[in-house]
PDB file of N, CA and C in Angstrom:
ATOM      1  N   UNK A   1      20.390   4.315 -19.920  1.00  0.00           N
ATOM      2  CA  UNK A   1      19.695   5.582 -19.921  1.00  0.00           C
ATOM      3  C   UNK A   1      20.607   6.596 -20.597  1.00  0.00           C
ATOM      4  N   UNK A   2      20.029   7.362 -21.464  1.00  0.00           N
ATOM      5  CA  UNK A   2      20.784   8.353 -22.223  1.00  0.00           C
ATOM      6  C   UNK A   2      20.460   9.745 -21.687  1.00  0.00           C
ATOM      7  N   UNK A   3      21.458  10.593 -21.591  1.00  0.00           N
ATOM      8  CA  UNK A   3      21.222  11.980 -21.174  1.00  0.00           C
ATOM      9  C   UNK A   3      21.531  12.895 -22.349  1.00  0.00           C
ATOM     10  N   UNK A   4      20.688  13.892 -22.520  1.00  0.00           N
ATOM     11  CA  UNK A   4      20.844  14.863 -23.598  1.00  0.00           C
ATOM     12  C   UNK A   4      20.620  16.249 -23.018  1.00  0.00           C
ATOM     13  N   UNK A   5      21.526  17.170 -23.324  1.00  0.00           N
ATOM     14  CA  UNK A   5      21.336  18.563 -22.912  1.00  0.00           C
ATOM     15  C   UNK A   5      20.150  19.161 -23.643  1.00  0.00           C
ATOM     16  N   UNK A   6      19.309  19.889 -22.951  1.00  0.00           N
ATOM     17  CA  UNK A   6      18.105  20.467 -23.549  1.00  0.00           C
ATOM     18  C   UNK A   6      18.462  21.363 -24.735  1.00  0.00           C
ATOM     19  N   UNK A   7      19.651  21.971 -24.682  1.00  0.00           N
ATOM     20  CA  UNK A   7      20.081  22.856 -25.763  1.00  0.00           C
ATOM     21  C   UNK A   7      20.338  22.072 -27.053  1.00  0.00           C
ATOM     22  N   UNK A   8      20.802  20.822 -26.923  1.00  0.00           N
ATOM     23  CA  UNK A   8      21.114  20.005 -28.091  1.00  0.00           C
ATOM     24  C   UNK A   8      19.944  19.117 -28.524  1.00  0.00           C
ATOM     25  N   UNK A   9      18.975  18.949 -27.678  1.00  0.00           N
ATOM     26  CA  UNK A   9      17.887  18.006 -27.952  1.00  0.00           C
ATOM     27  C   UNK A   9      16.976  18.515 -29.059  1.00  0.00           C
ATOM     28  N   UNK A  10      16.615  17.600 -29.927  1.00  0.00           N
ATOM     29  CA  UNK A  10      15.578  17.875 -30.921  1.00  0.00           C
ATOM     30  C   UNK A  10      14.495  16.833 -30.723  1.00  0.00           C
ATOM     31  N   UNK A  11      13.317  17.139 -31.188  1.00  0.00           N
ATOM     32  CA  UNK A  11      12.219  16.189 -31.059  1.00  0.00           C
ATOM     33  C   UNK A  11      12.557  14.887 -31.792  1.00  0.00           C
ATOM     34  N   UNK A  12      13.114  15.005 -32.986  1.00  0.00           N
ATOM     35  CA  UNK A  12      13.480  13.800 -33.745  1.00  0.00           C
ATOM     36  C   UNK A  12      14.489  12.950 -32.976  1.00  0.00           C
ATOM     37  N   UNK A  13      15.499  13.573 -32.379  1.00  0.00           N
ATOM     38  CA  UNK A  13      16.525  12.847 -31.630  1.00  0.00           C
ATOM     39  C   UNK A  13      15.896  12.096 -30.466  1.00  0.00           C
ATOM     40  N   UNK A  14      15.016  12.771 -29.758  1.00  0.00           N
ATOM     41  CA  UNK A  14      14.366  12.142 -28.606  1.00  0.00           C
ATOM     42  C   UNK A  14      13.476  10.983 -29.052  1.00  0.00           C
ATOM     43  N   UNK A  15      12.709  11.190 -30.109  1.00  0.00           N
ATOM     44  CA  UNK A  15      11.804  10.160 -30.602  1.00  0.00           C
ATOM     45  C   UNK A  15      12.571   8.929 -31.067  1.00  0.00           C
ATOM     46  N   UNK A  16      13.728   9.117 -31.648  1.00  0.00           N
ATOM     47  CA  UNK A  16      14.538   7.988 -32.105  1.00  0.00           C
ATOM     48  C   UNK A  16      15.034   7.145 -30.930  1.00  0.00           C
ATOM     49  N   UNK A  17      15.304   7.787 -29.811  1.00  0.00           N
ATOM     50  CA  UNK A  17      15.927   7.101 -28.685  1.00  0.00           C
ATOM     51  C   UNK A  17      14.965   6.527 -27.662  1.00  0.00           C
ATOM     52  N   UNK A  18      13.803   7.132 -27.462  1.00  0.00           N
ATOM     53  CA  UNK A  18      12.982   6.746 -26.300  1.00  0.00           C
ATOM     54  C   UNK A  18      12.354   5.363 -26.391  1.00  0.00           C
ATOM     55  N   UNK A  19      12.253   4.783 -27.570  1.00  0.00           N
ATOM     56  CA  UNK A  19      11.692   3.431 -27.645  1.00  0.00           C
ATOM     57  C   UNK A  19      12.723   2.380 -27.228  1.00  0.00           C
ATOM     58  N   UNK A  20      14.014   2.714 -27.303  1.00  0.00           N
ATOM     59  CA  UNK A  20      15.059   1.769 -26.914  1.00  0.00           C
ATOM     60  C   UNK A  20      15.525   1.977 -25.476  1.00  0.00           C
ATOM     61  N   UNK A  21      15.526   3.217 -25.011  1.00  0.00           N
ATOM     62  CA  UNK A  21      16.000   3.513 -23.659  1.00  0.00           C
ATOM     63  C   UNK A  21      15.382   4.814 -23.176  1.00  0.00           C
ATOM     64  N   UNK A  22      15.424   5.002 -21.893  1.00  0.00           N
ATOM     65  CA  UNK A  22      14.917   6.253 -21.319  1.00  0.00           C
ATOM     66  C   UNK A  22      15.892   7.379 -21.646  1.00  0.00           C
ATOM     67  N   UNK A  23      15.348   8.562 -21.829  1.00  0.00           N
ATOM     68  CA  UNK A  23      16.166   9.727 -22.145  1.00  0.00           C
ATOM     69  C   UNK A  23      15.929  10.781 -21.073  1.00  0.00           C
ATOM     70  N   UNK A  24      17.015  11.231 -20.454  1.00  0.00           N
ATOM     71  CA  UNK A  24      16.930  12.299 -19.458  1.00  0.00           C
ATOM     72  C   UNK A  24      17.375  13.589 -20.133  1.00  0.00           C
ATOM     73  N   UNK A  25      16.508  14.578 -20.124  1.00  0.00           N
ATOM     74  CA  UNK A  25      16.878  15.898 -20.635  1.00  0.00           C
ATOM     75  C   UNK A  25      17.517  16.677 -19.502  1.00  0.00           C
ATOM     76  N   UNK A  26      18.659  17.252 -19.781  1.00  0.00           N
ATOM     77  CA  UNK A  26      19.406  18.012 -18.781  1.00  0.00           C
ATOM     78  C   UNK A  26      19.300  19.507 -19.085  1.00  0.00           C
ATOM     79  N   UNK A  27      19.155  20.307 -18.038  1.00  0.00           N
ATOM     80  CA  UNK A  27      19.150  21.764 -18.178  1.00  0.00           C
ATOM     81  C   UNK A  27      20.093  22.317 -17.116  1.00  0.00           C
ATOM     82  N   UNK A  28      21.080  23.061 -17.550  1.00  0.00           N
ATOM     83  CA  UNK A  28      22.100  23.616 -16.651  1.00  0.00           C
ATOM     84  C   UNK A  28      22.776  22.510 -15.837  1.00  0.00           C
ATOM     85  N   UNK A  29      23.014  21.358 -16.489  1.00  0.00           N
ATOM     86  CA  UNK A  29      23.712  20.257 -15.840  1.00  0.00           C
ATOM     87  C   UNK A  29      22.877  19.441 -14.868  1.00  0.00           C
ATOM     88  N   UNK A  30      21.577  19.736 -14.785  1.00  0.00           N
ATOM     89  CA  UNK A  30      20.695  19.016 -13.855  1.00  0.00           C
ATOM     90  C   UNK A  30      19.548  18.363 -14.627  1.00  0.00           C
ATOM     91  N   UNK A  31      19.089  17.198 -14.148  1.00  0.00           N
ATOM     92  CA  UNK A  31      17.961  16.542 -14.820  1.00  0.00           C
ATOM     93  C   UNK A  31      16.735  17.453 -14.834  1.00  0.00           C
ATOM     94  N   UNK A  32      16.103  17.520 -16.010  1.00  0.00           N
ATOM     95  CA  UNK A  32      14.952  18.395 -16.198  1.00  0.00           C
ATOM     96  C   UNK A  32      13.679  17.604 -16.507  1.00  0.00           C
ATOM     97  N   UNK A  33      13.832  16.564 -17.343  1.00  0.00           N
ATOM     98  CA  UNK A  33      12.674  15.755 -17.737  1.00  0.00           C
ATOM     99  C   UNK A  33      13.140  14.349 -18.084  1.00  0.00           C
ATOM    100  N   UNK A  34      12.246  13.400 -17.901  1.00  0.00           N
ATOM    101  CA  UNK A  34      12.508  12.017 -18.255  1.00  0.00           C
ATOM    102  C   UNK A  34      11.528  11.631 -19.355  1.00  0.00           C
ATOM    103  N   UNK A  35      12.054  11.174 -20.485  1.00  0.00           N
ATOM    104  CA  UNK A  35      11.217  10.740 -21.596  1.00  0.00           C
ATOM    105  C   UNK A  35      11.262   9.220 -21.664  1.00  0.00           C
ATOM    106  N   UNK A  36      10.081   8.620 -21.741  1.00  0.00           N
ATOM    107  CA  UNK A  36       9.974   7.163 -21.745  1.00  0.00           C
ATOM    108  C   UNK A  36       9.069   6.758 -22.906  1.00  0.00           C
ATOM    109  N   UNK A  37       9.520   5.832 -23.728  1.00  0.00           N
ATOM    110  CA  UNK A  37       8.702   5.337 -24.825  1.00  0.00           C
ATOM    111  C   UNK A  37       7.564   4.473 -24.313  1.00  0.00           C
ATOM    112  N   UNK A  38       6.418   4.580 -24.936  1.00  0.00           N
ATOM    113  CA  UNK A  38       5.252   3.797 -24.523  1.00  0.00           C
ATOM    114  C   UNK A  38       4.650   3.012 -25.680  1.00  0.00           C
ATOM    115  N   UNK A  39       5.429   2.844 -26.739  1.00  0.00           N
ATOM    116  CA  UNK A  39       4.942   2.101 -27.893  1.00  0.00           C
ATOM    117  C   UNK A  39       4.517   0.697 -27.459  1.00  0.00           C
ATOM    118  N   UNK A  40       3.345   0.274 -27.911  1.00  0.00           N
ATOM    119  CA  UNK A  40       2.837  -1.052 -27.576  1.00  0.00           C
ATOM    120  C   UNK A  40       1.999  -1.097 -26.315  1.00  0.00           C
ATOM    121  N   UNK A  41       1.949  -0.014 -25.568  1.00  0.00           N
ATOM    122  CA  UNK A  41       1.132   0.009 -24.349  1.00  0.00           C
ATOM    123  C   UNK A  41      -0.236   0.598 -24.680  1.00  0.00           C
ATOM    124  N   UNK A  42      -1.256   0.156 -23.936  1.00  0.00           N
ATOM    125  CA  UNK A  42      -2.580   0.729 -24.152  1.00  0.00           C
ATOM    126  C   UNK A  42      -2.863   1.796 -23.090  1.00  0.00           C
ATOM    127  N   UNK A  43      -3.976   2.471 -23.247  1.00  0.00           N
ATOM    128  CA  UNK A  43      -4.330   3.583 -22.352  1.00  0.00           C
ATOM    129  C   UNK A  43      -4.405   3.136 -20.888  1.00  0.00           C
ATOM    130  N   UNK A  44      -4.979   1.952 -20.646  1.00  0.00           N
ATOM    131  CA  UNK A  44      -5.111   1.464 -19.269  1.00  0.00           C
ATOM    132  C   UNK A  44      -3.744   1.240 -18.633  1.00  0.00           C
ATOM    133  N   UNK A  45      -2.803   0.661 -19.372  1.00  0.00           N
ATOM    134  CA  UNK A  45      -1.454   0.439 -18.847  1.00  0.00           C
ATOM    135  C   UNK A  45      -0.798   1.771 -18.475  1.00  0.00           C
ATOM    136  N   UNK A  46      -0.979   2.768 -19.305  1.00  0.00           N
ATOM    137  CA  UNK A  46      -0.389   4.078 -19.032  1.00  0.00           C
ATOM    138  C   UNK A  46      -1.007   4.717 -17.791  1.00  0.00           C
ATOM    139  N   UNK A  47      -2.329   4.604 -17.662  1.00  0.00           N
ATOM    140  CA  UNK A  47      -3.005   5.197 -16.507  1.00  0.00           C
ATOM    141  C   UNK A  47      -2.608   4.492 -15.211  1.00  0.00           C
ATOM    142  N   UNK A  48      -2.576   3.157 -15.225  1.00  0.00           N
ATOM    143  CA  UNK A  48      -2.209   2.416 -14.019  1.00  0.00           C
ATOM    144  C   UNK A  48      -0.749   2.640 -13.644  1.00  0.00           C
ATOM    145  N   UNK A  49       0.100   2.726 -14.646  1.00  0.00           N
ATOM    146  CA  UNK A  49       1.523   2.919 -14.386  1.00  0.00           C
ATOM    147  C   UNK A  49       1.836   4.203 -13.653  1.00  0.00           C
ATOM    148  N   UNK A  50       0.957   5.193 -13.789  1.00  0.00           N
ATOM    149  CA  UNK A  50       1.197   6.464 -13.115  1.00  0.00           C
ATOM    150  C   UNK A  50       0.200   6.734 -11.989  1.00  0.00           C
ATOM    151  N   UNK A  51      -0.518   5.706 -11.564  1.00  0.00           N
ATOM    152  CA  UNK A  51      -1.523   5.858 -10.516  1.00  0.00           C
ATOM    153  C   UNK A  51      -0.944   5.518  -9.137  1.00  0.00           C
ATOM    154  N   UNK A  52      -0.874   6.502  -8.274  1.00  0.00           N
ATOM    155  CA  UNK A  52      -0.376   6.276  -6.914  1.00  0.00           C
ATOM    156  C   UNK A  52      -1.288   5.293  -6.168  1.00  0.00           C
ATOM    157  N   UNK A  53      -2.596   5.395  -6.390  1.00  0.00           N
ATOM    158  CA  UNK A  53      -3.556   4.500  -5.736  1.00  0.00           C
ATOM    159  C   UNK A  53      -3.291   3.047  -6.147  1.00  0.00           C
ATOM    160  N   UNK A  54      -3.062   2.808  -7.429  1.00  0.00           N
ATOM    161  CA  UNK A  54      -2.779   1.454  -7.914  1.00  0.00           C
ATOM    162  C   UNK A  54      -1.511   0.914  -7.277  1.00  0.00           C
ATOM    163  N   UNK A  55      -0.438   1.693  -7.232  1.00  0.00           N
ATOM    164  CA  UNK A  55       0.832   1.207  -6.696  1.00  0.00           C
ATOM    165  C   UNK A  55       0.766   0.989  -5.188  1.00  0.00           C
ATOM    166  N   UNK A  56      -0.079   1.744  -4.476  1.00  0.00           N
ATOM    167  CA  UNK A  56      -0.281   1.480  -3.053  1.00  0.00           C
ATOM    168  C   UNK A  56      -0.964   0.129  -2.859  1.00  0.00           C
ATOM    169  N   UNK A  57      -1.913  -0.176  -3.733  1.00  0.00           N
ATOM    170  CA  UNK A  57      -2.579  -1.479  -3.658  1.00  0.00           C
ATOM    171  C   UNK A  57      -1.602  -2.610  -3.952  1.00  0.00           C
ATOM    172  N   UNK A  58      -0.769  -2.433  -4.964  1.00  0.00           N
ATOM    173  CA  UNK A  58       0.229  -3.445  -5.304  1.00  0.00           C
ATOM    174  C   UNK A  58       1.153  -3.678  -4.113  1.00  0.00           C
ATOM    175  N   UNK A  59       1.583  -2.607  -3.484  1.00  0.00           N
ATOM    176  CA  UNK A  59       2.459  -2.724  -2.312  1.00  0.00           C
ATOM    177  C   UNK A  59       1.761  -3.515  -1.200  1.00  0.00           C
ATOM    178  N   UNK A  60       0.487  -3.241  -0.988  1.00  0.00           N
ATOM    179  CA  UNK A  60      -0.286  -3.963   0.028  1.00  0.00           C
ATOM    180  C   UNK A  60      -0.390  -5.443  -0.334  1.00  0.00           C
ATOM    181  N   UNK A  61      -0.705  -5.745  -1.608  1.00  0.00           N
ATOM    182  CA  UNK A  61      -0.837  -7.141  -2.042  1.00  0.00           C
ATOM    183  C   UNK A  61       0.465  -7.891  -1.868  1.00  0.00           C
ATOM    184  N   UNK A  62       1.565  -7.241  -2.141  1.00  0.00           N
ATOM    185  CA  UNK A  62       2.870  -7.906  -2.031  1.00  0.00           C
ATOM    186  C   UNK A  62       3.208  -8.279  -0.594  1.00  0.00           C
ATOM    187  N   UNK A  63       2.620  -7.602   0.366  1.00  0.00           N
ATOM    188  CA  UNK A  63       2.874  -7.892   1.772  1.00  0.00           C
ATOM    189  C   UNK A  63       1.973  -8.995   2.313  1.00  0.00           C
ATOM    190  N   UNK A  64       0.917  -9.312   1.566  1.00  0.00           N
ATOM    191  CA  UNK A  64      -0.020 -10.329   2.031  1.00  0.00           C
ATOM    192  C   UNK A  64       0.606 -11.718   1.953  1.00  0.00           C
ATOM    193  N   UNK A  65       0.154 -12.573   2.858  1.00  0.00           N
ATOM    194  CA  UNK A  65       0.626 -13.953   2.878  1.00  0.00           C
ATOM    195  C   UNK A  65       0.155 -14.661   1.609  1.00  0.00           C
ATOM    196  N   UNK A  66       1.033 -15.441   1.027  1.00  0.00           N
ATOM    197  CA  UNK A  66       0.676 -16.189  -0.175  1.00  0.00           C
ATOM    198  C   UNK A  66       0.409 -17.647   0.188  1.00  0.00           C
ATOM    199  N   UNK A  67      -0.224 -18.353  -0.738  1.00  0.00           N
ATOM    200  CA  UNK A  67      -0.473 -19.777  -0.539  1.00  0.00           C
ATOM    201  C   UNK A  67       0.148 -20.542  -1.708  1.00  0.00           C
ATOM    202  N   UNK A  68       0.392 -21.810  -1.488  1.00  0.00           N
ATOM    203  CA  UNK A  68       0.972 -22.647  -2.545  1.00  0.00           C
ATOM    204  C   UNK A  68      -0.100 -22.982  -3.578  1.00  0.00           C
ATOM    205  N   UNK A  69       0.358 -23.420  -4.726  1.00  0.00           N
ATOM    206  CA  UNK A  69      -0.582 -23.847  -5.759  1.00  0.00           C
ATOM    207  C   UNK A  69      -1.429 -25.021  -5.272  1.00  0.00           C
ATOM    208  N   UNK A  70      -0.795 -25.943  -4.546  1.00  0.00           N
ATOM    209  CA  UNK A  70      -1.523 -27.101  -4.015  1.00  0.00           C
ATOM    210  C   UNK A  70      -2.650 -26.645  -3.092  1.00  0.00           C
ATOM    211  N   UNK A  71      -2.366 -25.665  -2.245  1.00  0.00           N
ATOM    212  CA  UNK A  71      -3.392 -25.139  -1.331  1.00  0.00           C
ATOM    213  C   UNK A  71      -4.509 -24.469  -2.115  1.00  0.00           C
ATOM    214  N   UNK A  72      -4.144 -23.702  -3.139  1.00  0.00           N
ATOM    215  CA  UNK A  72      -5.150 -23.051  -3.978  1.00  0.00           C
ATOM    216  C   UNK A  72      -6.050 -24.094  -4.624  1.00  0.00           C
ATOM    217  N   UNK A  73      -5.472 -25.133  -5.182  1.00  0.00           N
ATOM    218  CA  UNK A  73      -6.257 -26.186  -5.822  1.00  0.00           C
ATOM    219  C   UNK A  73      -7.156 -26.903  -4.818  1.00  0.00           C
ATOM    220  N   UNK A  74      -6.657 -27.116  -3.604  1.00  0.00           N
ATOM    221  CA  UNK A  74      -7.468 -27.756  -2.564  1.00  0.00           C
ATOM    222  C   UNK A  74      -8.682 -26.886  -2.250  1.00  0.00           C
ATOM    223  N   UNK A  75      -8.460 -25.582  -2.114  1.00  0.00           N
ATOM    224  CA  UNK A  75      -9.569 -24.664  -1.808  1.00  0.00           C
ATOM    225  C   UNK A  75     -10.581 -24.622  -2.948  1.00  0.00           C
ATOM    226  N   UNK A  76     -10.098 -24.637  -4.172  1.00  0.00           N
ATOM    227  CA  UNK A  76     -11.010 -24.616  -5.318  1.00  0.00           C
ATOM    228  C   UNK A  76     -11.832 -25.901  -5.378  1.00  0.00           C
ATOM    229  N   UNK A  77     -11.179 -27.010  -5.067  1.00  0.00           N
ATOM    230  CA  UNK A  77     -11.908 -28.295  -5.033  1.00  0.00           C
ATOM    231  C   UNK A  77     -13.009 -28.262  -3.988  1.00  0.00           C
ATOM    232  N   UNK A  78     -12.739 -27.658  -2.835  1.00  0.00           N
ATOM    233  CA  UNK A  78     -13.757 -27.538  -1.777  1.00  0.00           C
ATOM    234  C   UNK A  78     -14.950 -26.736  -2.275  1.00  0.00           C
ATOM    235  N   UNK A  79     -14.678 -25.684  -3.006  1.00  0.00           N
ATOM    236  CA  UNK A  79     -15.765 -24.837  -3.519  1.00  0.00           C
ATOM    237  C   UNK A  79     -16.598 -25.608  -4.534  1.00  0.00           C
ATOM    238  N   UNK A  80     -15.956 -26.373  -5.392  1.00  0.00           N
ATOM    239  CA  UNK A  80     -16.653 -27.168  -6.416  1.00  0.00           C
ATOM    240  C   UNK A  80     -17.562 -28.206  -5.771  1.00  0.00           C
ATOM    241  N   UNK A  81     -17.128 -28.767  -4.637  1.00  0.00           N
ATOM    242  CA  UNK A  81     -17.892 -29.817  -3.976  1.00  0.00           C
ATOM    243  C   UNK A  81     -19.155 -29.279  -3.318  1.00  0.00           C
ATOM    244  N   UNK A  82     -19.198 -28.021  -3.017  1.00  0.00           N
ATOM    245  CA  UNK A  82     -20.368 -27.433  -2.321  1.00  0.00           C
ATOM    246  C   UNK A  82     -21.517 -27.234  -3.226  1.00  0.00           C
TER     247      UNK A  82
END
């Protein structure tokens, strides 16, 4: 992560750096803004990445019990047989 004083920052400087690493703009020695490159991402990725509702769901899913691949295949086979 690169830090740049807001007084020294130019748009060109920031644009050159944000695709390789995050850039923190500093004002009076304190973080002021975080610039992150999004080249290659689509609109949906950007919206989900900043959605509190989406990340709450992800957190919930991560806490759920998982099953093995073998169990998943067994369940799918049961569905096919019906």
